[in-house]
Amino acid sequence: MIVGNSVLRRGDWTEAADTITLDEGLRHRRRMAMVSDGGIAFLLDLPESTLLRDGDGILLDNGQVIFVRAKPELLYDVRGRDTAHLVALAWQIGNRHLAAQIFADRLTIRRDPVIRDMLLGLGARVEEIEAAFDPEGGAYQAHHHD
C-alpha cells in the first residue's frame, strides 16, 4: 500500500497528483487509511497527530503529493461591536473549550444553538455560514497560521 508519511505545508510544494477533501475532524489525524477524491488509496502514517490544513500536501512514499482541501462545514460567523467586545466573546467561547477560528474582525465556530443564544445574549452578531473550518490549535500544539 502507498504510504503518506509527511506533510508539506502550503507553499512548500507545487504540483499534486490529486486532492483529498476532509472536514476539520478528519484532517486531525496520525494514522488512517484514506482515499483521495480521484481514488488513490493510501495509508496516512505520520509520526504524531497532525492537523492537516487547507492547502497542505501529503507526500506519498511514491513521490506523489495529495493536495488537502478543507471541506465546508456548518459554522457560525461571530462578530462583536468592536475589538474589545470581540475579545470578550472569544473569551466566552474559549471558557467553554470550543474550537474557534480567529480572524482580525470575527470568529468562526461550529453551529450550536445553545452557544448561539449565549452569544446573542452577549450582544454578538451571529450569522450561519458554510465554510472551511481551520481552528486555532491548543496551547500545547504547534501553530501554523499565517
Protein backbone atom coordinates (compact mmCIF):
# COMPACT_ATOMS: atom_id res chain seq x y z
CA MET A 1 0.00 0.00 0.00
CA ILE A 2 1.11 3.56 -0.69
CA VAL A 3 2.01 5.44 2.49
CA GLY A 4 1.79 9.16 3.20
CA ASN A 5 4.38 9.79 5.87
CA SER A 6 4.98 13.53 5.81
CA VAL A 7 3.06 16.77 5.45
CA LEU A 8 4.18 19.56 3.16
CA ARG A 9 2.87 22.93 4.32
CA ARG A 10 1.17 25.30 1.90
CA GLY A 11 3.78 26.82 -0.39
CA ASP A 12 6.34 24.03 0.16
CA TRP A 13 5.23 22.11 -2.96
CA THR A 14 3.92 22.94 -6.43
CA GLU A 15 2.18 20.01 -8.14
CA ALA A 16 -0.35 17.49 -6.85
CA ALA A 17 -1.38 14.10 -8.20
CA ASP A 18 -4.87 14.51 -6.66
CA THR A 19 -6.85 16.16 -3.88
CA ILE A 20 -8.49 14.93 -0.70
CA THR A 21 -11.39 16.91 0.78
CA LEU A 22 -11.87 16.48 4.53
CA ASP A 23 -13.71 18.25 7.33
CA GLU A 24 -11.69 19.52 10.30
CA GLY A 25 -12.26 16.37 12.35
CA LEU A 26 -10.91 14.13 9.60
CA ARG A 27 -7.98 16.48 8.99
CA HIS A 28 -6.65 15.96 12.53
CA ARG A 29 -5.00 12.55 12.22
CA ARG A 30 -1.88 10.50 12.73
CA ARG A 31 -2.70 7.16 11.15
CA MET A 32 -5.66 6.39 8.92
CA ALA A 33 -6.49 4.64 5.64
CA MET A 34 -7.58 7.32 3.17
CA VAL A 35 -8.77 7.58 -0.42
CA SER A 36 -8.19 10.74 -2.44
CA ASP A 37 -11.04 12.41 -4.31
CA GLY A 38 -9.80 10.72 -7.51
CA GLY A 39 -9.46 7.27 -5.96
CA ILE A 40 -5.81 7.00 -4.85
CA ALA A 41 -5.81 4.73 -1.78
CA PHE A 42 -3.07 5.34 0.76
CA LEU A 43 -2.24 4.97 4.42
CA LEU A 44 -1.61 8.21 6.27
CA ASP A 45 1.12 7.29 8.76
CA LEU A 46 2.58 10.35 10.48
CA PRO A 47 4.97 10.38 13.45
CA GLU A 48 2.41 12.32 15.53
CA SER A 49 -1.17 13.53 15.31
CA THR A 50 -1.23 16.50 12.95
CA LEU A 51 -3.89 18.97 11.83
CA LEU A 52 -3.78 18.95 8.05
CA ARG A 53 -4.61 22.49 7.00
CA ASP A 54 -6.32 23.62 3.82
CA GLY A 55 -3.59 23.91 1.19
CA ASP A 56 -1.20 21.40 2.77
CA GLY A 57 0.11 18.42 0.82
CA ILE A 58 0.51 14.81 1.91
CA LEU A 59 3.76 13.42 0.50
CA LEU A 60 3.34 9.77 -0.51
CA ASP A 61 6.25 7.35 -0.49
CA ASN A 62 5.98 7.06 -4.29
CA GLY A 63 6.77 10.77 -4.64
CA GLN A 64 3.23 11.94 -5.37
CA VAL A 65 1.58 14.73 -3.41
CA ILE A 66 -2.09 14.76 -2.39
CA PHE A 67 -3.48 18.30 -2.01
CA VAL A 68 -5.56 18.77 1.16
CA ARG A 69 -8.80 20.71 0.82
CA ALA A 70 -10.90 21.73 3.81
CA LYS A 71 -14.48 20.57 3.35
CA PRO A 72 -17.02 23.34 4.03
CA GLU A 73 -18.80 22.88 7.38
CA LEU A 74 -21.86 24.38 9.06
CA LEU A 75 -20.49 27.25 11.17
CA TYR A 76 -21.39 30.50 12.85
CA ASP A 77 -19.68 33.73 11.89
CA VAL A 78 -19.42 35.69 15.16
CA ARG A 79 -18.82 39.45 15.22
CA GLY A 80 -18.60 41.96 18.03
CA ARG A 81 -19.34 45.68 18.26
CA ASP A 82 -15.61 46.46 18.40
CA THR A 83 -12.29 44.77 19.15
CA ALA A 84 -12.77 44.69 22.92
CA HIS A 85 -16.22 43.12 22.53
CA LEU A 86 -14.86 40.51 20.10
CA VAL A 87 -12.10 39.62 22.58
CA ALA A 88 -14.72 39.22 25.34
CA LEU A 89 -16.76 36.95 23.05
CA ALA A 90 -13.63 34.92 22.26
CA TRP A 91 -13.01 34.54 25.99
CA GLN A 92 -16.55 33.21 26.50
CA ILE A 93 -16.08 30.71 23.66
CA GLY A 94 -12.68 29.62 24.98
CA ASN A 95 -14.04 29.31 28.50
CA ARG A 96 -16.36 26.64 27.12
CA HIS A 97 -13.44 24.86 25.41
CA LEU A 98 -14.93 25.29 21.95
CA ALA A 99 -12.79 25.19 18.83
CA ALA A 100 -12.66 28.59 17.13
CA GLN A 101 -11.05 30.07 14.07
CA ILE A 102 -9.79 33.58 14.78
CA PHE A 103 -9.78 36.40 12.25
CA ALA A 104 -8.97 40.08 12.80
CA ASP A 105 -12.65 41.07 12.71
CA ARG A 106 -14.59 37.89 13.55
CA LEU A 107 -14.56 34.34 14.88
CA THR A 108 -15.99 31.18 13.38
CA ILE A 109 -17.25 28.27 15.47
CA ARG A 110 -19.26 25.12 14.85
CA ARG A 111 -23.00 25.59 14.98
CA ASP A 112 -24.55 25.00 18.39
CA PRO A 113 -27.93 26.63 19.15
CA VAL A 114 -27.18 26.97 22.88
CA ILE A 115 -23.90 28.79 22.19
CA ARG A 116 -25.63 30.93 19.54
CA ASP A 117 -28.22 32.04 22.09
CA MET A 118 -25.50 32.81 24.64
CA LEU A 119 -23.57 34.91 22.11
CA LEU A 120 -26.70 36.78 21.02
CA GLY A 121 -27.43 37.48 24.70
CA LEU A 122 -23.93 38.97 24.97
CA GLY A 123 -24.64 41.31 22.05
CA ALA A 124 -22.80 39.41 19.30
CA ARG A 125 -23.90 39.33 15.70
CA VAL A 126 -24.14 35.67 14.71
CA GLU A 127 -24.65 34.51 11.12
CA GLU A 128 -24.95 30.96 9.84
CA ILE A 129 -22.34 30.21 7.19
CA GLU A 130 -20.90 27.21 5.40
CA ALA A 131 -17.12 27.45 5.09
CA ALA A 132 -13.85 25.62 5.65
CA PHE A 133 -13.04 25.39 9.36
CA ASP A 134 -9.42 25.74 10.41
CA PRO A 135 -9.50 26.41 14.18
CA GLU A 136 -6.63 27.52 16.36
CA GLY A 137 -4.55 24.75 17.86
CA GLY A 138 -4.42 24.30 21.61
CA ALA A 139 -1.78 25.78 23.88
CA TYR A 140 0.36 22.65 23.55
CA GLN A 141 0.09 22.30 19.76
CA ALA A 142 2.21 23.93 17.09
CA HIS A 143 0.54 26.88 15.36
CA HIS A 144 0.66 27.21 11.59
CA HIS A 145 -1.45 30.29 10.91
CA ASP A 146 -0.09 32.98 8.65
